[in-house]
Amino acid sequence: MLHEYRLKKPIHAEQFDGSKEMLDKYPISMGADGFGTWYNILTVEGLHSLYEGDWIVSDNGDYLVIEESLFRRTYERCD
């Protein structure tokens, strides 16, 4: 039978903007190639591509990346 579910607890999240402050705050690596600048972040799922506008979700020192459109559909601000 199909049921509806809600996330059980609030999360801490910050929208990635490519700033030096965020590069220093999170385990993010940055590089450049012929196509532009790229970012990777070490998450609980391993190394993950990160784009400006993505959301970094933190939980007890572990990180997840959620794409902007999915984040907006899934979460609402509660503070």
Protein backbone atom coordinates (compact mmCIF):
# COMPACT_ATOMS: atom_id res chain seq x y z
CA MET A 1 0.00 0.00 0.00
CA LEU A 2 1.27 3.50 -0.88
CA HIS A 3 1.83 5.92 2.01
CA GLU A 4 3.01 9.52 2.42
CA TYR A 5 6.16 10.31 4.41
CA ARG A 6 7.78 13.47 5.77
CA LEU A 7 11.35 14.08 6.76
CA LYS A 8 11.49 13.56 10.50
CA LYS A 9 14.00 16.16 11.57
CA PRO A 10 15.22 19.57 10.50
CA ILE A 11 18.44 19.67 8.53
CA HIS A 12 21.27 22.18 8.30
CA ALA A 13 21.94 23.29 4.75
CA GLU A 14 23.84 26.03 2.96
CA GLN A 15 23.61 26.97 -0.70
CA PHE A 16 26.99 26.69 -2.42
CA ASP A 17 28.19 29.97 -3.96
CA GLY A 18 31.78 29.16 -4.90
CA SER A 19 33.20 31.59 -2.33
CA LYS A 20 36.56 31.12 -0.63
CA GLU A 21 34.77 30.95 2.72
CA MET A 22 32.80 27.90 1.61
CA LEU A 23 35.87 26.29 0.05
CA ASP A 24 37.61 26.64 3.43
CA LYS A 25 34.59 25.50 5.46
CA TYR A 26 33.84 22.21 3.64
CA PRO A 27 36.00 19.40 2.18
CA ILE A 28 35.79 20.90 -1.33
CA SER A 29 38.40 20.62 -4.04
CA MET A 30 38.47 23.01 -6.98
CA GLY A 31 40.12 22.93 -10.35
CA ALA A 32 39.92 24.37 -13.82
CA ASP A 33 40.09 22.93 -17.30
CA GLY A 34 39.22 24.04 -20.81
CA PHE A 35 35.52 24.10 -19.89
CA GLY A 36 35.78 26.23 -16.75
CA THR A 37 36.02 25.81 -13.01
CA TRP A 38 34.87 22.59 -11.33
CA TYR A 39 34.24 21.65 -7.72
CA ASN A 40 34.11 18.31 -5.88
CA ILE A 41 33.09 17.65 -2.29
CA LEU A 42 33.76 14.60 -0.16
CA THR A 43 30.37 13.26 0.98
CA VAL A 44 29.12 10.17 2.77
CA GLU A 45 28.60 8.71 -0.71
CA GLY A 46 32.18 9.47 -1.82
CA LEU A 47 33.48 12.26 -4.05
CA HIS A 48 30.58 14.23 -5.54
CA SER A 49 30.46 16.98 -8.17
CA LEU A 50 29.28 20.30 -6.80
CA TYR A 51 27.83 23.21 -8.76
CA GLU A 52 27.07 26.76 -7.70
CA GLY A 53 23.46 26.79 -6.51
CA ASP A 54 23.58 23.23 -5.12
CA TRP A 55 22.83 22.76 -1.44
CA ILE A 56 25.31 21.25 1.01
CA VAL A 57 23.45 19.39 3.75
CA SER A 58 25.45 18.71 6.89
CA ASP A 59 24.67 16.13 9.54
CA ASN A 60 27.20 15.47 12.32
CA GLY A 61 30.18 16.20 10.07
CA ASP A 62 28.83 14.20 7.11
CA TYR A 63 27.79 16.01 3.95
CA LEU A 64 25.32 15.41 1.14
CA VAL A 65 24.76 17.47 -2.01
CA ILE A 66 21.23 18.20 -3.18
CA GLU A 67 20.51 19.88 -6.50
CA GLU A 68 18.68 23.23 -6.21
CA SER A 69 15.39 22.13 -7.83
CA LEU A 70 15.12 18.96 -5.72
CA PHE A 71 16.01 20.87 -2.55
CA ARG A 72 13.29 23.48 -3.17
CA ARG A 73 10.68 20.77 -3.84
CA THR A 74 11.66 18.73 -0.78
CA TYR A 75 12.48 21.20 2.01
CA GLU A 76 11.00 24.36 3.42
CA ARG A 77 12.82 26.79 5.65
CA CYS A 78 11.81 26.52 9.31
CA ASP A 79 13.91 29.10 11.19
